[in-house]
Amino acid sequence: MPTVQKKYREEKPKNCKYCYFWEKKACSRGVENCYYLIKESSKTKAECTDCPYKKAGPCLGHCTQKILKELHMK
């Protein structure tokens, strides 16, 4: 059985000791819940975590998250 190589975001520190979640001897989030880990199977769920519409009802048919982020940046 081939092992799946984990993918991390570019922002991930080279050494975990420099991460915000690092505590004295280990990560407080654990290996499987690394903040910088890209989970392939839940990409769409991760994209919708900040969406204000996901809690009140079904998706509107297009993603408003990008629009909201652009408004906050301006």
PDB file of N, CA and C in Angstrom:
ATOM      1  N   MET A   1       0.844  -1.182   0.000  1.00  0.00           N
ATOM      2  CA  MET A   1       0.000   0.000   0.000  1.00  0.00           C
ATOM      3  C   MET A   1       0.888   1.243   0.000  1.00  0.00           C
ATOM      4  N   PRO A   2       0.758   2.109  -1.023  1.00  0.00           N
ATOM      5  CA  PRO A   2       1.604   3.293  -1.100  1.00  0.00           C
ATOM      6  C   PRO A   2       1.209   4.331  -0.048  1.00  0.00           C
ATOM      7  N   THR A   3       2.191   5.020   0.468  1.00  0.00           N
ATOM      8  CA  THR A   3       1.908   6.056   1.453  1.00  0.00           C
ATOM      9  C   THR A   3       1.590   7.361   0.725  1.00  0.00           C
ATOM     10  N   VAL A   4       0.648   8.100   1.254  1.00  0.00           N
ATOM     11  CA  VAL A   4       0.243   9.365   0.665  1.00  0.00           C
ATOM     12  C   VAL A   4       1.079  10.468   1.296  1.00  0.00           C
ATOM     13  N   GLN A   5       1.729  11.247   0.452  1.00  0.00           N
ATOM     14  CA  GLN A   5       2.544  12.335   0.967  1.00  0.00           C
ATOM     15  C   GLN A   5       1.643  13.508   1.329  1.00  0.00           C
ATOM     16  N   LYS A   6       1.817  14.048   2.510  1.00  0.00           N
ATOM     17  CA  LYS A   6       0.988  15.151   2.982  1.00  0.00           C
ATOM     18  C   LYS A   6       1.436  16.443   2.315  1.00  0.00           C
ATOM     19  N   LYS A   7       0.455  17.294   2.014  1.00  0.00           N
ATOM     20  CA  LYS A   7       0.737  18.578   1.394  1.00  0.00           C
ATOM     21  C   LYS A   7       0.429  19.678   2.395  1.00  0.00           C
ATOM     22  N   TYR A   8       1.342  20.638   2.470  1.00  0.00           N
ATOM     23  CA  TYR A   8       1.189  21.747   3.401  1.00  0.00           C
ATOM     24  C   TYR A   8       1.162  23.072   2.646  1.00  0.00           C
ATOM     25  N   ARG A   9       0.568  24.084   3.248  1.00  0.00           N
ATOM     26  CA  ARG A   9       0.551  25.418   2.659  1.00  0.00           C
ATOM     27  C   ARG A   9       1.961  25.990   2.630  1.00  0.00           C
ATOM     28  N   GLU A  10       2.179  26.943   1.743  1.00  0.00           N
ATOM     29  CA  GLU A  10       3.496  27.566   1.606  1.00  0.00           C
ATOM     30  C   GLU A  10       3.909  28.322   2.865  1.00  0.00           C
ATOM     31  N   GLU A  11       2.948  28.797   3.643  1.00  0.00           N
ATOM     32  CA  GLU A  11       3.245  29.600   4.836  1.00  0.00           C
ATOM     33  C   GLU A  11       3.788  28.780   6.002  1.00  0.00           C
ATOM     34  N   LYS A  12       3.742  27.454   5.888  1.00  0.00           N
ATOM     35  CA  LYS A  12       4.171  26.592   6.985  1.00  0.00           C
ATOM     36  C   LYS A  12       5.650  26.840   7.311  1.00  0.00           C
ATOM     37  N   PRO A  13       5.968  27.049   8.584  1.00  0.00           N
ATOM     38  CA  PRO A  13       7.371  27.209   8.966  1.00  0.00           C
ATOM     39  C   PRO A  13       8.175  25.952   8.637  1.00  0.00           C
ATOM     40  N   LYS A  14       9.448  26.130   8.345  1.00  0.00           N
ATOM     41  CA  LYS A  14      10.315  24.988   8.034  1.00  0.00           C
ATOM     42  C   LYS A  14      10.416  24.040   9.223  1.00  0.00           C
ATOM     43  N   ASN A  15      10.390  24.585  10.413  1.00  0.00           N
ATOM     44  CA  ASN A  15      10.475  23.799  11.629  1.00  0.00           C
ATOM     45  C   ASN A  15       9.228  24.069  12.468  1.00  0.00           C
ATOM     46  N   CYS A  16       8.577  23.032  12.931  1.00  0.00           N
ATOM     47  CA  CYS A  16       7.336  23.177  13.700  1.00  0.00           C
ATOM     48  C   CYS A  16       7.531  23.952  15.001  1.00  0.00           C
ATOM     49  N   LYS A  17       8.734  24.022  15.495  1.00  0.00           N
ATOM     50  CA  LYS A  17       8.989  24.748  16.736  1.00  0.00           C
ATOM     51  C   LYS A  17       8.720  26.240  16.594  1.00  0.00           C
ATOM     52  N   TYR A  18       8.672  26.740  15.366  1.00  0.00           N
ATOM     53  CA  TYR A  18       8.417  28.152  15.129  1.00  0.00           C
ATOM     54  C   TYR A  18       6.942  28.433  14.839  1.00  0.00           C
ATOM     55  N   CYS A  19       6.113  27.422  14.913  1.00  0.00           N
ATOM     56  CA  CYS A  19       4.685  27.557  14.666  1.00  0.00           C
ATOM     57  C   CYS A  19       3.991  28.108  15.914  1.00  0.00           C
ATOM     58  N   TYR A  20       2.909  28.844  15.707  1.00  0.00           N
ATOM     59  CA  TYR A  20       2.140  29.422  16.809  1.00  0.00           C
ATOM     60  C   TYR A  20       1.562  28.343  17.724  1.00  0.00           C
ATOM     61  N   PHE A  21       1.228  27.187  17.177  1.00  0.00           N
ATOM     62  CA  PHE A  21       0.585  26.126  17.947  1.00  0.00           C
ATOM     63  C   PHE A  21       1.574  25.208  18.657  1.00  0.00           C
ATOM     64  N   TRP A  22       2.865  25.458  18.542  1.00  0.00           N
ATOM     65  CA  TRP A  22       3.869  24.619  19.184  1.00  0.00           C
ATOM     66  C   TRP A  22       3.912  24.921  20.672  1.00  0.00           C
ATOM     67  N   GLU A  23       3.806  23.863  21.473  1.00  0.00           N
ATOM     68  CA  GLU A  23       3.953  23.985  22.921  1.00  0.00           C
ATOM     69  C   GLU A  23       5.221  23.251  23.308  1.00  0.00           C
ATOM     70  N   LYS A  24       5.718  23.422  24.447  1.00  0.00           N
ATOM     71  CA  LYS A  24       7.020  22.961  24.923  1.00  0.00           C
ATOM     72  C   LYS A  24       7.665  21.816  24.137  1.00  0.00           C
ATOM     73  N   LYS A  25       6.971  20.712  23.926  1.00  0.00           N
ATOM     74  CA  LYS A  25       7.589  19.563  23.256  1.00  0.00           C
ATOM     75  C   LYS A  25       6.793  19.019  22.073  1.00  0.00           C
ATOM     76  N   ALA A  26       5.600  19.557  21.825  1.00  0.00           N
ATOM     77  CA  ALA A  26       4.769  19.019  20.742  1.00  0.00           C
ATOM     78  C   ALA A  26       3.757  20.064  20.273  1.00  0.00           C
ATOM     79  N   CYS A  27       3.141  19.763  19.158  1.00  0.00           N
ATOM     80  CA  CYS A  27       2.107  20.636  18.602  1.00  0.00           C
ATOM     81  C   CYS A  27       0.805  20.441  19.380  1.00  0.00           C
ATOM     82  N   SER A  28       0.157  21.527  19.707  1.00  0.00           N
ATOM     83  CA  SER A  28      -1.097  21.430  20.461  1.00  0.00           C
ATOM     84  C   SER A  28      -2.253  20.918  19.596  1.00  0.00           C
ATOM     85  N   ARG A  29      -2.129  21.016  18.283  1.00  0.00           N
ATOM     86  CA  ARG A  29      -3.186  20.568  17.376  1.00  0.00           C
ATOM     87  C   ARG A  29      -3.026  19.110  16.973  1.00  0.00           C
ATOM     88  N   GLY A  30      -1.847  18.558  17.107  1.00  0.00           N
ATOM     89  CA  GLY A  30      -1.610  17.182  16.689  1.00  0.00           C
ATOM     90  C   GLY A  30      -1.201  17.098  15.228  1.00  0.00           C
ATOM     91  N   VAL A  31      -0.634  16.000  14.841  1.00  0.00           N
ATOM     92  CA  VAL A  31      -0.110  15.816  13.493  1.00  0.00           C
ATOM     93  C   VAL A  31      -1.225  15.840  12.445  1.00  0.00           C
ATOM     94  N   GLU A  32      -2.317  15.183  12.704  1.00  0.00           N
ATOM     95  CA  GLU A  32      -3.398  15.092  11.725  1.00  0.00           C
ATOM     96  C   GLU A  32      -4.228  16.375  11.618  1.00  0.00           C
ATOM     97  N   ASN A  33      -4.119  17.264  12.593  1.00  0.00           N
ATOM     98  CA  ASN A  33      -4.888  18.507  12.588  1.00  0.00           C
ATOM     99  C   ASN A  33      -4.001  19.729  12.415  1.00  0.00           C
ATOM    100  N   CYS A  34      -2.862  19.551  11.769  1.00  0.00           N
ATOM    101  CA  CYS A  34      -1.933  20.657  11.551  1.00  0.00           C
ATOM    102  C   CYS A  34      -2.659  21.800  10.846  1.00  0.00           C
ATOM    103  N   TYR A  35      -2.450  23.001  11.326  1.00  0.00           N
ATOM    104  CA  TYR A  35      -3.089  24.185  10.754  1.00  0.00           C
ATOM    105  C   TYR A  35      -2.735  24.358   9.278  1.00  0.00           C
ATOM    106  N   TYR A  36      -1.523  23.994   8.897  1.00  0.00           N
ATOM    107  CA  TYR A  36      -1.034  24.196   7.534  1.00  0.00           C
ATOM    108  C   TYR A  36      -1.279  23.012   6.610  1.00  0.00           C
ATOM    109  N   LEU A  37      -1.827  21.926   7.107  1.00  0.00           N
ATOM    110  CA  LEU A  37      -2.079  20.736   6.312  1.00  0.00           C
ATOM    111  C   LEU A  37      -3.223  20.965   5.336  1.00  0.00           C
ATOM    112  N   ILE A  38      -3.007  20.589   4.071  1.00  0.00           N
ATOM    113  CA  ILE A  38      -4.053  20.699   3.057  1.00  0.00           C
ATOM    114  C   ILE A  38      -4.723  19.345   2.962  1.00  0.00           C
ATOM    115  N   LYS A  39      -5.987  19.303   3.306  1.00  0.00           N
ATOM    116  CA  LYS A  39      -6.732  18.051   3.242  1.00  0.00           C
ATOM    117  C   LYS A  39      -7.463  18.003   1.912  1.00  0.00           C
ATOM    118  N   GLU A  40      -7.089  17.073   1.074  1.00  0.00           N
ATOM    119  CA  GLU A  40      -7.631  16.965  -0.274  1.00  0.00           C
ATOM    120  C   GLU A  40      -9.129  16.687  -0.284  1.00  0.00           C
ATOM    121  N   SER A  41      -9.599  15.810   0.577  1.00  0.00           N
ATOM    122  CA  SER A  41     -11.002  15.390   0.540  1.00  0.00           C
ATOM    123  C   SER A  41     -11.967  16.465   1.028  1.00  0.00           C
ATOM    124  N   SER A  42     -11.494  17.408   1.826  1.00  0.00           N
ATOM    125  CA  SER A  42     -12.415  18.396   2.387  1.00  0.00           C
ATOM    126  C   SER A  42     -12.127  19.806   1.903  1.00  0.00           C
ATOM    127  N   LYS A  43     -11.630  19.948   0.689  1.00  0.00           N
ATOM    128  CA  LYS A  43     -11.329  21.266   0.165  1.00  0.00           C
ATOM    129  C   LYS A  43     -12.563  22.151   0.087  1.00  0.00           C
ATOM    130  N   THR A  44     -13.664  21.619  -0.420  1.00  0.00           N
ATOM    131  CA  THR A  44     -14.858  22.436  -0.549  1.00  0.00           C
ATOM    132  C   THR A  44     -15.421  22.826   0.807  1.00  0.00           C
ATOM    133  N   LYS A  45     -15.352  21.944   1.781  1.00  0.00           N
ATOM    134  CA  LYS A  45     -15.819  22.279   3.121  1.00  0.00           C
ATOM    135  C   LYS A  45     -14.958  23.377   3.723  1.00  0.00           C
ATOM    136  N   ALA A  46     -13.641  23.296   3.515  1.00  0.00           N
ATOM    137  CA  ALA A  46     -12.737  24.296   4.063  1.00  0.00           C
ATOM    138  C   ALA A  46     -12.975  25.660   3.419  1.00  0.00           C
ATOM    139  N   GLU A  47     -13.339  25.671   2.156  1.00  0.00           N
ATOM    140  CA  GLU A  47     -13.586  26.935   1.469  1.00  0.00           C
ATOM    141  C   GLU A  47     -14.842  27.619   1.987  1.00  0.00           C
ATOM    142  N   CYS A  48     -15.776  26.856   2.536  1.00  0.00           N
ATOM    143  CA  CYS A  48     -17.054  27.418   2.974  1.00  0.00           C
ATOM    144  C   CYS A  48     -17.133  27.658   4.477  1.00  0.00           C
ATOM    145  N   THR A  49     -16.062  27.478   5.218  1.00  0.00           N
ATOM    146  CA  THR A  49     -16.138  27.615   6.671  1.00  0.00           C
ATOM    147  C   THR A  49     -16.492  29.025   7.118  1.00  0.00           C
ATOM    148  N   ASP A  50     -16.072  30.049   6.369  1.00  0.00           N
ATOM    149  CA  ASP A  50     -16.351  31.427   6.756  1.00  0.00           C
ATOM    150  C   ASP A  50     -17.615  31.995   6.113  1.00  0.00           C
ATOM    151  N   CYS A  51     -18.296  31.205   5.340  1.00  0.00           N
ATOM    152  CA  CYS A  51     -19.474  31.693   4.620  1.00  0.00           C
ATOM    153  C   CYS A  51     -20.643  31.907   5.587  1.00  0.00           C
ATOM    154  N   PRO A  52     -21.214  33.113   5.603  1.00  0.00           N
ATOM    155  CA  PRO A  52     -22.328  33.372   6.515  1.00  0.00           C
ATOM    156  C   PRO A  52     -23.619  32.680   6.094  1.00  0.00           C
ATOM    157  N   TYR A  53     -23.709  32.197   4.865  1.00  0.00           N
ATOM    158  CA  TYR A  53     -24.935  31.588   4.365  1.00  0.00           C
ATOM    159  C   TYR A  53     -25.031  30.097   4.624  1.00  0.00           C
ATOM    160  N   LYS A  54     -23.928  29.452   4.976  1.00  0.00           N
ATOM    161  CA  LYS A  54     -23.959  27.991   5.125  1.00  0.00           C
ATOM    162  C   LYS A  54     -24.776  27.544   6.341  1.00  0.00           C
ATOM    163  N   LYS A  55     -24.893  28.370   7.357  1.00  0.00           N
ATOM    164  CA  LYS A  55     -25.612  27.989   8.568  1.00  0.00           C
ATOM    165  C   LYS A  55     -27.122  28.194   8.422  1.00  0.00           C
ATOM    166  N   ALA A  56     -27.515  29.240   7.710  1.00  0.00           N
ATOM    167  CA  ALA A  56     -28.933  29.579   7.611  1.00  0.00           C
ATOM    168  C   ALA A  56     -29.679  28.771   6.564  1.00  0.00           C
ATOM    169  N   GLY A  57     -28.995  28.304   5.566  1.00  0.00           N
ATOM    170  CA  GLY A  57     -29.685  27.579   4.509  1.00  0.00           C
ATOM    171  C   GLY A  57     -28.718  26.982   3.516  1.00  0.00           C
ATOM    172  N   PRO A  58     -29.236  26.482   2.411  1.00  0.00           N
ATOM    173  CA  PRO A  58     -28.377  25.867   1.407  1.00  0.00           C
ATOM    174  C   PRO A  58     -27.535  26.908   0.674  1.00  0.00           C
ATOM    175  N   CYS A  59     -26.558  26.441  -0.063  1.00  0.00           N
ATOM    176  CA  CYS A  59     -25.672  27.308  -0.833  1.00  0.00           C
ATOM    177  C   CYS A  59     -26.484  28.116  -1.837  1.00  0.00           C
ATOM    178  N   LEU A  60     -26.073  29.336  -2.089  1.00  0.00           N
ATOM    179  CA  LEU A  60     -26.795  30.209  -3.009  1.00  0.00           C
ATOM    180  C   LEU A  60     -26.519  29.894  -4.474  1.00  0.00           C
ATOM    181  N   GLY A  61     -25.624  29.006  -4.750  1.00  0.00           N
ATOM    182  CA  GLY A  61     -25.325  28.646  -6.128  1.00  0.00           C
ATOM    183  C   GLY A  61     -24.023  29.241  -6.619  1.00  0.00           C
ATOM    184  N   HIS A  62     -23.510  30.206  -5.920  1.00  0.00           N
ATOM    185  CA  HIS A  62     -22.185  30.739  -6.234  1.00  0.00           C
ATOM    186  C   HIS A  62     -21.511  31.145  -4.934  1.00  0.00           C
ATOM    187  N   CYS A  63     -20.229  31.141  -4.955  1.00  0.00           N
ATOM    188  CA  CYS A  63     -19.486  31.406  -3.719  1.00  0.00           C
ATOM    189  C   CYS A  63     -19.408  32.902  -3.454  1.00  0.00           C
ATOM    190  N   THR A  64     -19.850  33.310  -2.290  1.00  0.00           N
ATOM    191  CA  THR A  64     -19.781  34.716  -1.906  1.00  0.00           C
ATOM    192  C   THR A  64     -18.559  35.013  -1.047  1.00  0.00           C
ATOM    193  N   GLN A  65     -17.827  33.982  -0.680  1.00  0.00           N
ATOM    194  CA  GLN A  65     -16.672  34.179   0.185  1.00  0.00           C
ATOM    195  C   GLN A  65     -15.626  35.083  -0.464  1.00  0.00           C
ATOM    196  N   LYS A  66     -15.356  34.904  -1.750  1.00  0.00           N
ATOM    197  CA  LYS A  66     -14.376  35.746  -2.435  1.00  0.00           C
ATOM    198  C   LYS A  66     -14.825  37.197  -2.464  1.00  0.00           C
ATOM    199  N   ILE A  67     -16.105  37.404  -2.695  1.00  0.00           N
ATOM    200  CA  ILE A  67     -16.648  38.766  -2.728  1.00  0.00           C
ATOM    201  C   ILE A  67     -16.518  39.421  -1.361  1.00  0.00           C
ATOM    202  N   LEU A  68     -16.848  38.684  -0.302  1.00  0.00           N
ATOM    203  CA  LEU A  68     -16.752  39.223   1.054  1.00  0.00           C
ATOM    204  C   LEU A  68     -15.313  39.554   1.413  1.00  0.00           C
ATOM    205  N   LYS A  69     -14.370  38.711   1.038  1.00  0.00           N
ATOM    206  CA  LYS A  69     -12.961  38.973   1.327  1.00  0.00           C
ATOM    207  C   LYS A  69     -12.476  40.218   0.592  1.00  0.00           C
ATOM    208  N   GLU A  70     -12.890  40.372  -0.666  1.00  0.00           N
ATOM    209  CA  GLU A  70     -12.495  41.553  -1.430  1.00  0.00           C
ATOM    210  C   GLU A  70     -13.046  42.829  -0.801  1.00  0.00           C
ATOM    211  N   LEU A  71     -14.273  42.774  -0.299  1.00  0.00           N
ATOM    212  CA  LEU A  71     -14.856  43.939   0.358  1.00  0.00           C
ATOM    213  C   LEU A  71     -14.113  44.293   1.629  1.00  0.00           C
ATOM    214  N   HIS A  72     -13.706  43.291   2.391  1.00  0.00           N
ATOM    215  CA  HIS A  72     -12.966  43.546   3.635  1.00  0.00           C
ATOM    216  C   HIS A  72     -11.574  44.079   3.357  1.00  0.00           C
ATOM    217  N   MET A  73     -10.984  43.705   2.225  1.00  0.00           N
ATOM    218  CA  MET A  73      -9.640  44.175   1.877  1.00  0.00           C
ATOM    219  C   MET A  73      -9.663  45.645   1.465  1.00  0.00           C
ATOM    220  N   LYS A  74     -10.781  46.114   0.920  1.00  0.00           N
ATOM    221  CA  LYS A  74     -10.869  47.511   0.452  1.00  0.00           C
ATOM    222  C   LYS A  74     -11.128  48.436   1.557  1.00  0.00           C
TER     223      LYS A  74
END
